[in-house]
C-alpha atoms as a PDB file:
ATOM      1  CA  MET A   1     125.913  48.859 124.538  1.00  0.00           C
ATOM      2  CA  ALA A   2     122.807  47.410 126.078  1.00  0.00           C
ATOM      3  CA  LYS A   3     119.280  47.311 124.859  1.00  0.00           C
ATOM      4  CA  PRO A   4     116.941  47.881 127.787  1.00  0.00           C
ATOM      5  CA  ALA A   5     114.294  45.275 127.735  1.00  0.00           C
ATOM      6  CA  SER A   6     112.680  43.077 130.297  1.00  0.00           C
ATOM      7  CA  ASP A   7     110.208  40.243 130.499  1.00  0.00           C
ATOM      8  CA  GLU A   8     108.007  39.310 133.387  1.00  0.00           C
ATOM      9  CA  SER A   9     106.689  36.021 131.961  1.00  0.00           C
ATOM     10  CA  PRO A  10     107.515  32.584 133.326  1.00  0.00           C
ATOM     11  CA  VAL A  11     110.352  30.798 131.638  1.00  0.00           C
ATOM     12  CA  PRO A  12     110.149  26.961 130.983  1.00  0.00           C
ATOM     13  CA  HIS A  13     113.363  26.040 132.781  1.00  0.00           C
ATOM     14  CA  HIS A  14     111.982  27.579 136.054  1.00  0.00           C
ATOM     15  CA  ALA A  15     108.587  25.951 135.812  1.00  0.00           C
ATOM     16  CA  HIS A  16     107.834  26.188 139.577  1.00  0.00           C
ATOM     17  CA  LYS A  17     108.693  29.839 140.106  1.00  0.00           C
ATOM     18  CA  GLU A  18     107.920  32.942 138.134  1.00  0.00           C
ATOM     19  CA  VAL A  19     110.903  34.635 136.500  1.00  0.00           C
ATOM     20  CA  SER A  20     111.864  38.284 135.912  1.00  0.00           C
ATOM     21  CA  THR A  21     114.341  38.537 133.042  1.00  0.00           C
ATOM     22  CA  VAL A  22     116.516  41.410 131.975  1.00  0.00           C
ATOM     23  CA  TYR A  23     117.967  41.300 128.501  1.00  0.00           C
ATOM     24  CA  VAL A  24     121.404  42.711 127.530  1.00  0.00           C
ATOM     25  CA  HIS A  25     122.773  42.712 124.039  1.00  0.00           C
ATOM     26  CA  VAL A  26     126.483  43.324 123.363  1.00  0.00           C
ATOM     27  CA  ARG A  27     128.703  42.767 120.380  1.00  0.00           C
ATOM     28  CA  ARG A  28     131.410  41.228 122.543  1.00  0.00           C
ATOM     29  CA  LEU A  29     131.196  39.871 126.048  1.00  0.00           C
ATOM     30  CA  GLY A  30     134.196  41.925 126.982  1.00  0.00           C
ATOM     31  CA  GLN A  31     131.966  45.033 126.733  1.00  0.00           C
ATOM     32  CA  LEU A  32     130.312  44.001 129.965  1.00  0.00           C
ATOM     33  CA  PHE A  33     133.573  44.382 131.902  1.00  0.00           C
ATOM     34  CA  ASN A  34     135.989  47.121 132.829  1.00  0.00           C
ATOM     35  CA  SER A  35     138.546  47.127 130.088  1.00  0.00           C
ATOM     36  CA  LEU A  36     141.243  48.531 132.406  1.00  0.00           C
ATOM     37  CA  ASP A  37     140.870  45.675 134.911  1.00  0.00           C
ATOM     38  CA  PRO A  38     143.792  43.274 134.410  1.00  0.00           C
ATOM     39  CA  SER A  39     142.178  40.542 136.576  1.00  0.00           C
ATOM     40  CA  PRO A  40     141.143  37.129 135.088  1.00  0.00           C
ATOM     41  CA  PHE A  41     137.787  37.249 133.327  1.00  0.00           C
ATOM     42  CA  TRP A  42     135.831  35.789 136.182  1.00  0.00           C
ATOM     43  CA  GLU A  43     137.332  38.277 138.669  1.00  0.00           C
ATOM     44  CA  ARG A  44     136.863  41.489 136.681  1.00  0.00           C
ATOM     45  CA  ASP A  45     134.617  44.353 137.691  1.00  0.00           C
ATOM     46  CA  LEU A  46     131.617  44.954 135.542  1.00  0.00           C
ATOM     47  CA  ASP A  47     131.782  48.016 133.282  1.00  0.00           C
ATOM     48  CA  ARG A  48     130.123  50.843 135.385  1.00  0.00           C
ATOM     49  CA  ASN A  49     127.496  51.518 132.707  1.00  0.00           C
ATOM     50  CA  ALA A  50     126.670  47.811 132.333  1.00  0.00           C
ATOM     51  CA  GLY A  51     126.473  47.390 136.084  1.00  0.00           C
ATOM     52  CA  GLN A  52     124.238  50.467 136.460  1.00  0.00           C
ATOM     53  CA  PHE A  53     121.903  49.273 133.686  1.00  0.00           C
ATOM     54  CA  ILE A  54     121.572  45.802 135.326  1.00  0.00           C
ATOM     55  CA  GLU A  55     120.964  47.334 138.734  1.00  0.00           C
ATOM     56  CA  ASP A  56     118.384  49.807 137.479  1.00  0.00           C
ATOM     57  CA  GLU A  57     116.513  47.172 135.591  1.00  0.00           C
ATOM     58  CA  PHE A  58     116.408  44.683 138.412  1.00  0.00           C
ATOM     59  CA  SER A  59     115.729  47.222 141.156  1.00  0.00           C
ATOM     60  CA  ASP A  60     111.991  47.311 140.271  1.00  0.00           C
ATOM     61  CA  LYS A  61     111.634  43.516 139.880  1.00  0.00           C
ATOM     62  CA  PRO A  62     109.635  41.492 142.454  1.00  0.00           C
ATOM     63  CA  ARG A  63     112.048  40.018 144.966  1.00  0.00           C
ATOM     64  CA  ASP A  64     110.103  36.740 145.277  1.00  0.00           C
ATOM     65  CA  ARG A  65     110.808  35.779 141.629  1.00  0.00           C
ATOM     66  CA  THR A  66     113.811  34.160 140.097  1.00  0.00           C
ATOM     67  CA  TRP A  67     115.984  36.833 138.487  1.00  0.00           C
ATOM     68  CA  VAL A  68     117.553  35.935 135.140  1.00  0.00           C
ATOM     69  CA  LEU A  69     120.095  37.999 133.204  1.00  0.00           C
ATOM     70  CA  GLU A  70     119.904  37.003 129.525  1.00  0.00           C
ATOM     71  CA  VAL A  71     122.995  38.131 127.629  1.00  0.00           C
ATOM     72  CA  SER A  72     123.016  37.933 123.812  1.00  0.00           C
ATOM     73  CA  THR A  73     126.271  38.483 122.014  1.00  0.00           C
ATOM     74  CA  GLU A  74     127.334  38.699 118.381  1.00  0.00           C
ATOM     75  CA  GLU A  75     130.571  36.871 119.129  1.00  0.00           C
ATOM     76  CA  ASP A  76     130.709  33.773 116.970  1.00  0.00           C
ATOM     77  CA  GLN A  77     132.926  31.729 119.282  1.00  0.00           C
ATOM     78  CA  ASN A  78     132.529  29.301 122.206  1.00  0.00           C
ATOM     79  CA  PHE A  79     131.941  31.015 125.524  1.00  0.00           C
ATOM     80  CA  ASN A  80     131.512  29.579 129.006  1.00  0.00           C
ATOM     81  CA  THR A  81     128.283  30.584 130.687  1.00  0.00           C
ATOM     82  CA  LYS A  82     129.714  29.399 134.029  1.00  0.00           C
ATOM     83  CA  ASP A  83     132.581  31.877 133.670  1.00  0.00           C
ATOM     84  CA  LEU A  84     130.165  34.790 133.151  1.00  0.00           C
ATOM     85  CA  GLN A  85     127.880  33.571 135.947  1.00  0.00           C
ATOM     86  CA  SER A  86     130.932  33.426 138.292  1.00  0.00           C
ATOM     87  CA  ALA A  87     132.066  36.873 137.164  1.00  0.00           C
ATOM     88  CA  VAL A  88     128.656  38.478 137.864  1.00  0.00           C
ATOM     89  CA  THR A  89     128.287  36.678 141.269  1.00  0.00           C
ATOM     90  CA  THR A  90     131.837  37.669 142.278  1.00  0.00           C
ATOM     91  CA  TYR A  91     131.310  41.248 141.305  1.00  0.00           C
ATOM     92  CA  TYR A  92     128.164  41.629 143.405  1.00  0.00           C
ATOM     93  CA  GLU A  93     129.847  39.903 146.285  1.00  0.00           C
ATOM     94  CA  ARG A  94     132.455  42.614 146.222  1.00  0.00           C
ATOM     95  CA  MET A  95     129.775  45.280 145.834  1.00  0.00           C
ATOM     96  CA  LEU A  96     127.925  43.839 148.839  1.00  0.00           C
ATOM     97  CA  ALA A  97     131.123  43.785 150.918  1.00  0.00           C
ATOM     98  CA  SER A  98     131.852  47.392 149.934  1.00  0.00           C
ATOM     99  CA  ALA A  99     128.371  48.599 150.796  1.00  0.00           C
ATOM    100  CA  SER A 100     128.470  46.774 154.142  1.00  0.00           C
ATOM    101  CA  LYS A 101     131.803  48.358 155.049  1.00  0.00           C
ATOM    102  CA  GLN A 102     130.474  51.884 154.094  1.00  0.00           C
ATOM    103  CA  ILE A 103     127.448  51.220 156.347  1.00  0.00           C
ATOM    104  CA  ARG A 104     129.638  50.090 159.272  1.00  0.00           C
ATOM    105  CA  ASP A 105     131.904  53.155 158.810  1.00  0.00           C
ATOM    106  CA  LYS A 106     129.018  55.560 158.612  1.00  0.00           C
ATOM    107  CA  LEU A 107     127.411  53.970 161.718  1.00  0.00           C
ATOM    108  CA  TRP A 108     130.645  54.290 163.662  1.00  0.00           C
ATOM    109  CA  ILE A 109     131.188  57.911 162.613  1.00  0.00           C
ATOM    110  CA  GLY A 110     127.480  58.760 163.120  1.00  0.00           C
ATOM    111  CA  GLN A 111     127.428  57.321 166.646  1.00  0.00           C
ATOM    112  CA  TRP A 112     130.445  59.296 167.698  1.00  0.00           C
ATOM    113  CA  ALA A 113     128.984  62.462 165.997  1.00  0.00           C
ATOM    114  CA  LEU A 114     125.716  61.897 167.819  1.00  0.00           C
ATOM    115  CA  LEU A 115     127.565  61.568 171.159  1.00  0.00           C
ATOM    116  CA  VAL A 116     129.424  64.780 170.481  1.00  0.00           C
ATOM    117  CA  GLY A 117     126.169  66.400 169.374  1.00  0.00           C
ATOM    118  CA  VAL A 118     124.437  65.413 172.631  1.00  0.00           C
ATOM    119  CA  VAL A 119     127.321  66.927 174.649  1.00  0.00           C
ATOM    120  CA  VAL A 120     127.156  70.192 172.585  1.00  0.00           C
ATOM    121  CA  PHE A 121     123.341  70.217 172.996  1.00  0.00           C
ATOM    122  CA  LEU A 122     123.587  69.829 176.765  1.00  0.00           C
ATOM    123  CA  ALA A 123     126.355  72.430 176.980  1.00  0.00           C
ATOM    124  CA  CYS A 124     124.270  74.946 175.056  1.00  0.00           C
ATOM    125  CA  MET A 125     121.247  74.396 177.228  1.00  0.00           C
ATOM    126  CA  LEU A 126     123.438  74.685 180.375  1.00  0.00           C
ATOM    127  CA  LEU A 127     124.883  77.970 179.199  1.00  0.00           C
ATOM    128  CA  ARG A 128     121.396  79.320 178.555  1.00  0.00           C
ATOM    129  CA  GLU A 129     120.387  78.388 182.124  1.00  0.00           C
ATOM    130  CA  LEU A 130     123.563  80.009 183.554  1.00  0.00           C
ATOM    131  CA  PHE A 131     123.038  83.214 181.618  1.00  0.00           C
ATOM    132  CA  GLU A 132     119.449  83.440 182.830  1.00  0.00           C
ATOM    133  CA  GLN A 133     120.516  82.896 186.446  1.00  0.00           C
ATOM    134  CA  ARG A 134     123.486  85.351 186.344  1.00  0.00           C
ATOM    135  CA  LEU A 135     122.031  88.107 184.183  1.00  0.00           C
ATOM    136  CA  ALA A 136     118.993  89.891 185.544  1.00  0.00           C
ATOM    137  CA  SER A 137     117.613  90.634 182.121  1.00  0.00           C
ATOM    138  CA  GLY A 138     118.616  87.212 180.737  1.00  0.00           C
ATOM    139  CA  PRO A 139     121.087  86.558 177.949  1.00  0.00           C
ATOM    140  CA  PRO A 140     121.066  88.861 174.852  1.00  0.00           C
ATOM    141  CA  ARG A 141     118.501  87.664 172.355  1.00  0.00           C
ATOM    142  CA  LEU A 142     121.007  87.036 169.584  1.00  0.00           C
ATOM    143  CA  LEU A 143     123.172  84.960 171.946  1.00  0.00           C
ATOM    144  CA  ASP A 144     120.161  83.038 173.252  1.00  0.00           C
ATOM    145  CA  GLU A 145     118.906  82.219 169.743  1.00  0.00           C
ATOM    146  CA  GLY A 146     122.440  81.309 168.620  1.00  0.00           C
ATOM    147  CA  LEU A 147     122.798  78.774 171.421  1.00  0.00           C
ATOM    148  CA  ILE A 148     119.467  77.241 170.555  1.00  0.00           C
ATOM    149  CA  VAL A 149     120.401  76.955 166.861  1.00  0.00           C
ATOM    150  CA  LEU A 150     123.819  75.472 167.646  1.00  0.00           C
ATOM    151  CA  ALA A 151     122.257  72.936 170.053  1.00  0.00           C
ATOM    152  CA  TRP A 152     119.758  71.669 167.443  1.00  0.00           C
ATOM    153  CA  VAL A 153     122.257  71.652 164.606  1.00  0.00           C
ATOM    154  CA  ALA A 154     124.649  69.566 166.756  1.00  0.00           C
ATOM    155  CA  ILE A 155     121.897  66.999 167.158  1.00  0.00           C
ATOM    156  CA  TRP A 156     120.370  67.171 163.666  1.00  0.00           C
ATOM    157  CA  ILE A 157     123.546  66.551 161.591  1.00  0.00           C
ATOM    158  CA  PRO A 158     124.489  63.159 163.201  1.00  0.00           C
ATOM    159  CA  VAL A 159     120.801  62.089 163.153  1.00  0.00           C
ATOM    160  CA  GLU A 160     120.716  62.864 159.439  1.00  0.00           C
ATOM    161  CA  GLN A 161     123.843  60.879 158.852  1.00  0.00           C
ATOM    162  CA  LEU A 162     122.529  57.879 160.821  1.00  0.00           C
ATOM    163  CA  PHE A 163     119.063  57.714 159.230  1.00  0.00           C
ATOM    164  CA  TYR A 164     118.866  59.563 155.938  1.00  0.00           C
ATOM    165  CA  ASP A 165     122.318  59.040 154.492  1.00  0.00           C
ATOM    166  CA  LEU A 166     122.291  55.329 155.398  1.00  0.00           C
ATOM    167  CA  ALA A 167     118.999  54.591 153.639  1.00  0.00           C
ATOM    168  CA  PRO A 168     120.414  54.594 150.011  1.00  0.00           C
ATOM    169  CA  LEU A 169     123.365  52.339 151.078  1.00  0.00           C
ATOM    170  CA  MET A 170     121.041  49.888 152.829  1.00  0.00           C
ATOM    171  CA  ARG A 171     118.809  49.704 149.732  1.00  0.00           C
ATOM    172  CA  ALA A 172     121.930  49.075 147.592  1.00  0.00           C
ATOM    173  CA  ARG A 173     123.069  46.406 149.953  1.00  0.00           C
ATOM    174  CA  ARG A 174     119.758  44.571 149.660  1.00  0.00           C
ATOM    175  CA  LEU A 175     119.928  44.822 145.892  1.00  0.00           C
ATOM    176  CA  TYR A 176     123.503  43.552 145.702  1.00  0.00           C
ATOM    177  CA  ARG A 177     122.655  40.595 147.918  1.00  0.00           C
ATOM    178  CA  ARG A 178     119.809  39.745 145.585  1.00  0.00           C
ATOM    179  CA  LEU A 179     121.910  40.185 142.468  1.00  0.00           C
ATOM    180  CA  MET A 180     124.427  37.678 143.810  1.00  0.00           C
ATOM    181  CA  GLN A 181     121.768  35.087 143.089  1.00  0.00           C
ATOM    182  CA  VAL A 182     120.876  36.242 139.619  1.00  0.00           C
ATOM    183  CA  ARG A 183     121.020  33.416 137.007  1.00  0.00           C
ATOM    184  CA  VAL A 184     123.016  34.337 133.908  1.00  0.00           C
ATOM    185  CA  HIS A 185     122.356  32.884 130.528  1.00  0.00           C
ATOM    186  CA  VAL A 186     124.389  33.572 127.354  1.00  0.00           C
ATOM    187  CA  ARG A 187     123.261  32.988 123.790  1.00  0.00           C
ATOM    188  CA  HIS A 188     124.708  33.766 120.372  1.00  0.00           C
ATOM    189  CA  SER A 189     122.827  36.422 118.428  1.00  0.00           C
ATOM    190  CA  PRO A 190     124.163  36.837 114.902  1.00  0.00           C
ATOM    191  CA  PRO A 191     124.318  40.462 113.669  1.00  0.00           C
ATOM    192  CA  ALA A 192     121.525  41.519 111.496  1.00  0.00           C
ATOM    193  CA  ARG A 193     122.315  41.330 107.796  1.00  0.00           C
ATOM    194  CA  HIS A 194     121.565  44.256 105.572  1.00  0.00           C
ATOM    195  CA  ASP A 195     120.977  43.347 101.935  1.00  0.00           C
ATOM    196  CA  HIS A 196     121.817  46.170  99.572  1.00  0.00           C
ATOM    197  CA  PRO A 197     120.140  46.414  96.137  1.00  0.00           C
ATOM    198  CA  ARG A 198     122.330  45.469  93.236  1.00  0.00           C
END
């Protein structure tokens, strides 16, 4: 569907700011969108493969440059660049909102899990102290080690959720916010003609 290519050179219509361009070539503009989405053109979701390609290509681009998505199509008909610009912007607005909601949900769950983990940790430590006070020889080794493991697991899992699991979502949210500002250009690219010998 897409030909991965990128250009880091300045473009004349952005003379005062360097440009990072990603090129996508499709036979029809409809290939960029989810064919099962019944929404109007400018409200459709991007095709998942097209979206992933765009995100992968732009993820390594400098954030201080103007990002440009150059779409070439073989369709020999009038197309409205503003509609495609609106569709891409709207799609990444939805992706940004979705990522933000996932982050909020994970933070809420992680905070409660951390609170429960702290309670379990303190309970395990308290039990160890009680066993040491009540039993002359101290708690059995297996029980003592089990309480220690349970205490640290109860803390580690929510910490992992709060810090490590959130990192990819936060990176994606930054990328979606940046892709909302990408400038979309569309141009007609006639299919290559193959001359056969007579």
